[in-house]
Amino acid sequence: VSLFPVLYMGVASLQSTQEIYSGVHLIPRQITWSNYVQAWQQAAFGRYLGNSVLYTSVVTTAVILLGSAGAYAFARLRFPGRNALYYGLLVFLFVPIPGQFIPLYVVLVRLHLANTQIGYMLPLINASIPPALFILRRFFEEIPREIEEAALVDGAGHFRIYTRIALPMARPAVAVVGILTALSVWNEFVLALIVFSDQNLMPLQVGLQTFQGTYFSQYGLMMAALCITTVPIVILYVTFQRSIIKGIMAGAVKG
């Protein structure tokens, strides 16, 4: 039941509009690859796809680096106000981005970041760091302190322990953070409409919405456009999922 709409989307993307209107056929009578060519060219999906890949890559990388470093500091280092700062950051988990649109836009305008790629990515990074801290801190706290103490005896500092020991051991949690962040950024729609006025800077989801409004009655083209927007993130999800399973299985047995 869950996979049937996805299956039909793929099948319909290879059918002509006339065949789609004639009824549901799970096997195309004649494969129409021109749907993908026409959708890619007429909707400028190449530009939108490049933008989404850039935004997703930069935001996900920044969240993993900043979130893991911050989570390690909160889990292992002792400094004044540590818990107050940590829980203060977690408060942002309860404040969705749409609730911050007006003050956020005012700040971006005053900083001259409105209608810029940096002005779009910074709020996404800021919104994704609190859940990354929450997930990764719990994982770093479960790492045995004997490993860290042995590294300190050998002369390693906290940064080296973080990069050489803690971060590699946290690969399952990092994969989870990467999946959640990438999915969130890839599917983001509303913030782009607020930040951007230049159509050339829009992400893929905005381009899909524009394409849908133009070619609403041509279902073959619409399904091809949906496949174009869906396949990259599915590939990314499957890749990270394998990393999660491998990490969990590797740490399932002690000794």
Protein backbone atom coordinates (compact mmCIF):
# COMPACT_ATOMS: atom_id res chain seq x y z
CA VAL A 1 0.00 0.00 0.00
CA SER A 2 2.81 2.42 0.87
CA LEU A 3 4.94 1.60 -2.17
CA PHE A 4 2.14 1.60 -4.75
CA PRO A 5 2.04 5.43 -5.20
CA VAL A 6 5.82 5.44 -5.66
CA LEU A 7 5.60 2.56 -8.14
CA TYR A 8 2.82 4.29 -10.06
CA MET A 9 4.82 7.53 -10.12
CA GLY A 10 7.71 5.74 -11.81
CA VAL A 11 5.46 3.94 -14.27
CA ALA A 12 3.42 7.03 -15.14
CA SER A 13 6.58 9.02 -15.77
CA LEU A 14 7.24 6.70 -18.73
CA GLN A 15 3.74 6.94 -20.17
CA SER A 16 2.14 9.44 -22.51
CA THR A 17 -0.68 11.65 -21.23
CA GLN A 18 -3.20 9.79 -23.38
CA GLU A 19 -2.22 6.42 -21.90
CA ILE A 20 -2.45 7.77 -18.34
CA TYR A 21 -5.95 9.11 -18.95
CA SER A 22 -7.02 5.78 -20.45
CA GLY A 23 -6.59 3.98 -17.10
CA VAL A 24 -4.05 2.63 -14.61
CA HIS A 25 -1.42 0.48 -16.33
CA LEU A 26 1.46 -0.85 -14.27
CA ILE A 27 3.34 -1.80 -17.43
CA PRO A 28 3.67 1.01 -20.01
CA ARG A 29 2.46 0.08 -23.48
CA GLN A 30 5.10 2.36 -24.93
CA ILE A 31 7.95 3.83 -22.90
CA THR A 32 8.13 7.60 -23.30
CA TRP A 33 11.56 8.83 -22.23
CA SER A 34 10.81 12.24 -23.69
CA ASN A 35 8.91 13.09 -20.50
CA TYR A 36 12.19 13.33 -18.61
CA VAL A 37 13.90 15.29 -21.36
CA GLN A 38 11.01 17.74 -21.64
CA ALA A 39 10.65 18.14 -17.87
CA TRP A 40 14.39 18.72 -17.45
CA GLN A 41 14.60 21.31 -20.23
CA GLN A 42 11.35 23.22 -19.81
CA ALA A 43 11.49 23.48 -16.01
CA ALA A 44 15.23 24.30 -15.82
CA PHE A 45 15.64 21.43 -13.36
CA GLY A 46 19.38 21.43 -13.93
CA ARG A 47 19.70 24.82 -12.23
CA TYR A 48 17.29 23.95 -9.41
CA LEU A 49 18.95 20.58 -8.85
CA GLY A 50 22.38 22.19 -8.64
CA ASN A 51 21.08 24.67 -6.07
CA SER A 52 19.52 21.93 -3.92
CA VAL A 53 22.67 19.81 -4.06
CA LEU A 54 24.73 22.83 -2.97
CA TYR A 55 22.39 23.77 -0.12
CA THR A 56 22.02 20.19 1.11
CA SER A 57 25.75 19.46 0.98
CA VAL A 58 26.86 22.66 2.71
CA VAL A 59 24.19 22.59 5.43
CA THR A 60 24.61 18.87 6.17
CA THR A 61 28.42 19.16 6.34
CA ALA A 62 28.26 22.23 8.58
CA VAL A 63 25.71 20.61 10.92
CA ILE A 64 27.77 17.43 11.25
CA LEU A 65 31.00 19.34 11.97
CA LEU A 66 29.56 21.95 14.32
CA GLY A 67 27.04 19.60 15.93
CA SER A 68 29.55 16.84 16.62
CA ALA A 69 32.18 19.25 17.98
CA GLY A 70 29.62 20.95 20.22
CA ALA A 71 28.14 17.65 21.36
CA TYR A 72 31.60 16.32 22.29
CA ALA A 73 32.33 19.48 24.26
CA PHE A 74 29.04 19.23 26.16
CA ALA A 75 29.59 15.51 26.82
CA ARG A 76 33.26 15.48 27.86
CA LEU A 77 34.46 18.96 28.80
CA ARG A 78 33.72 20.78 32.03
CA PHE A 79 33.18 24.55 31.84
CA PRO A 80 30.95 27.07 33.66
CA GLY A 81 27.37 27.20 32.45
CA ARG A 82 27.68 24.02 30.42
CA ASN A 83 24.24 22.61 31.21
CA ALA A 84 22.52 25.99 31.04
CA LEU A 85 23.98 26.63 27.58
CA TYR A 86 23.11 23.13 26.39
CA TYR A 87 19.48 23.27 27.48
CA GLY A 88 19.24 26.83 26.22
CA LEU A 89 20.15 25.57 22.75
CA LEU A 90 17.64 22.74 23.04
CA VAL A 91 14.87 25.32 23.53
CA PHE A 92 15.10 25.97 19.79
CA LEU A 93 13.76 22.44 19.21
CA PHE A 94 10.37 23.78 20.30
CA VAL A 95 10.47 26.84 18.03
CA PRO A 96 9.87 25.91 14.38
CA ILE A 97 11.40 28.04 11.63
CA PRO A 98 7.98 29.32 10.40
CA GLY A 99 7.47 30.91 13.81
CA GLN A 100 10.66 32.94 13.30
CA PHE A 101 10.05 34.13 9.74
CA ILE A 102 9.35 37.81 10.48
CA PRO A 103 12.31 38.50 12.83
CA LEU A 104 14.51 36.25 10.71
CA TYR A 105 13.74 38.19 7.55
CA VAL A 106 14.36 41.51 9.33
CA VAL A 107 17.77 40.27 10.52
CA LEU A 108 18.70 39.02 7.04
CA VAL A 109 17.75 42.35 5.46
CA ARG A 110 19.77 44.34 7.99
CA LEU A 111 22.78 42.08 7.46
CA HIS A 112 22.34 42.34 3.67
CA LEU A 113 21.90 38.57 3.44
CA ALA A 114 18.39 38.53 1.97
CA ASN A 115 18.24 36.97 -1.50
CA THR A 116 21.64 35.34 -1.00
CA GLN A 117 22.65 31.71 -0.71
CA ILE A 118 24.40 32.32 2.62
CA GLY A 119 21.30 34.00 4.00
CA TYR A 120 19.31 30.87 3.10
CA MET A 121 21.76 28.30 4.46
CA LEU A 122 22.59 29.96 7.79
CA PRO A 123 19.03 29.66 9.21
CA LEU A 124 18.89 26.03 8.10
CA ILE A 125 22.19 25.31 9.85
CA ASN A 126 21.00 27.11 12.96
CA ALA A 127 17.74 25.12 13.04
CA SER A 128 19.49 21.77 12.53
CA ILE A 129 22.24 22.08 15.14
CA PRO A 130 20.03 21.63 18.28
CA PRO A 131 18.73 18.16 17.26
CA ALA A 132 22.26 17.21 16.20
CA LEU A 133 23.55 18.20 19.65
CA PHE A 134 20.81 16.20 21.33
CA ILE A 135 21.51 13.03 19.32
CA LEU A 136 25.31 13.17 19.35
CA ARG A 137 25.79 14.20 22.97
CA ARG A 138 23.96 11.12 24.19
CA PHE A 139 26.16 8.96 21.97
CA PHE A 140 29.43 10.56 23.12
CA GLU A 141 28.40 10.09 26.76
CA GLU A 142 28.11 6.33 26.17
CA ILE A 143 31.73 6.04 25.00
CA PRO A 144 33.78 4.45 27.84
CA ARG A 145 35.91 7.00 29.63
CA GLU A 146 38.74 4.44 29.86
CA ILE A 147 39.36 4.93 26.13
CA GLU A 148 39.65 8.70 26.58
CA GLU A 149 41.86 8.35 29.65
CA ALA A 150 44.20 6.00 27.78
CA ALA A 151 44.53 8.53 24.96
CA LEU A 152 45.24 11.34 27.46
CA VAL A 153 48.00 9.23 29.03
CA ASP A 154 49.53 8.78 25.59
CA GLY A 155 49.66 12.55 25.17
CA ALA A 156 46.59 13.16 23.01
CA GLY A 157 44.61 16.35 23.54
CA HIS A 158 40.84 16.71 23.48
CA PHE A 159 40.78 17.78 19.82
CA ARG A 160 42.78 14.74 18.76
CA ILE A 161 40.59 12.45 20.86
CA TYR A 162 37.53 14.00 19.22
CA THR A 163 38.83 13.60 15.65
CA ARG A 164 40.63 10.26 15.99
CA ILE A 165 38.52 8.36 18.53
CA ALA A 166 35.13 9.88 19.38
CA LEU A 167 34.03 10.92 15.89
CA PRO A 168 34.87 7.59 14.19
CA MET A 169 33.07 5.70 16.96
CA ALA A 170 30.04 7.95 16.51
CA ARG A 171 29.52 7.06 12.83
CA PRO A 172 26.01 5.58 13.40
CA ALA A 173 24.85 8.73 15.16
CA VAL A 174 26.55 10.95 12.57
CA ALA A 175 24.75 9.02 9.84
CA VAL A 176 21.41 9.64 11.57
CA VAL A 177 22.16 13.37 11.83
CA GLY A 178 23.22 13.42 8.19
CA ILE A 179 20.01 11.72 7.03
CA LEU A 180 17.70 13.95 9.07
CA THR A 181 19.48 17.13 8.01
CA ALA A 182 19.71 16.21 4.34
CA LEU A 183 16.04 15.24 4.17
CA SER A 184 15.02 18.47 5.89
CA VAL A 185 17.08 20.72 3.61
CA TRP A 186 16.21 18.85 0.42
CA ASN A 187 12.47 19.09 1.09
CA GLU A 188 12.55 22.69 2.38
CA PHE A 189 10.13 24.98 0.54
CA VAL A 190 8.70 27.88 2.56
CA LEU A 191 11.94 29.50 3.75
CA ALA A 192 13.21 29.69 0.16
CA LEU A 193 10.14 31.67 -0.88
CA ILE A 194 10.82 34.18 1.91
CA VAL A 195 14.57 34.58 1.52
CA PHE A 196 14.88 34.48 -2.29
CA SER A 197 13.46 36.84 -4.87
CA ASP A 198 15.83 35.65 -7.60
CA GLN A 199 14.41 32.62 -9.39
CA ASN A 200 17.91 31.39 -10.22
CA LEU A 201 18.65 30.81 -6.52
CA MET A 202 15.55 28.73 -5.78
CA PRO A 203 15.92 25.09 -4.66
CA LEU A 204 14.42 22.11 -6.41
CA GLN A 205 11.14 21.97 -4.48
CA VAL A 206 10.23 25.51 -5.51
CA GLY A 207 11.03 24.63 -9.10
CA LEU A 208 8.78 21.59 -8.82
CA GLN A 209 5.92 23.73 -7.53
CA THR A 210 6.37 26.17 -10.43
CA PHE A 211 6.44 23.28 -12.88
CA GLN A 212 3.29 21.78 -11.37
CA GLY A 213 1.38 25.01 -11.81
CA THR A 214 2.41 25.25 -15.47
CA TYR A 215 1.93 21.62 -16.54
CA PHE A 216 -0.84 20.55 -14.15
CA SER A 217 -2.81 18.60 -16.79
CA GLN A 218 0.23 16.79 -18.26
CA TYR A 219 0.61 14.00 -15.74
CA GLY A 220 3.46 12.26 -17.54
CA LEU A 221 5.63 15.36 -17.28
CA MET A 222 4.62 15.91 -13.66
CA MET A 223 5.50 12.34 -12.68
CA ALA A 224 8.86 12.63 -14.46
CA ALA A 225 9.57 15.84 -12.55
CA LEU A 226 8.65 14.11 -9.27
CA CYS A 227 11.04 11.28 -10.05
CA ILE A 228 13.83 13.77 -10.76
CA THR A 229 13.34 15.37 -7.35
CA THR A 230 12.92 12.06 -5.49
CA VAL A 231 15.68 9.80 -6.82
CA PRO A 232 18.74 11.73 -5.48
CA ILE A 233 17.50 11.86 -1.89
CA VAL A 234 16.44 8.19 -2.02
CA ILE A 235 19.96 7.23 -3.12
CA LEU A 236 21.41 9.32 -0.29
CA TYR A 237 19.06 7.73 2.24
CA VAL A 238 19.91 4.19 1.14
CA THR A 239 23.65 4.97 1.35
CA PHE A 240 23.42 6.36 4.89
CA GLN A 241 21.10 3.55 5.96
CA ARG A 242 23.77 0.99 5.13
CA SER A 243 26.25 2.93 7.24
CA ILE A 244 23.85 2.93 10.18
CA ILE A 245 23.24 -0.82 9.98
CA LYS A 246 26.96 -1.52 9.66
CA GLY A 247 27.78 0.66 12.66
CA ILE A 248 25.11 -0.90 14.86
CA MET A 249 26.15 -4.44 13.97
CA ALA A 250 29.83 -3.63 14.57
CA GLY A 251 29.09 -2.40 18.09
CA ALA A 252 26.51 -4.99 19.01
CA VAL A 253 28.97 -7.44 20.59
CA LYS A 254 31.56 -6.56 23.21
CA GLY A 255 34.88 -8.25 23.60
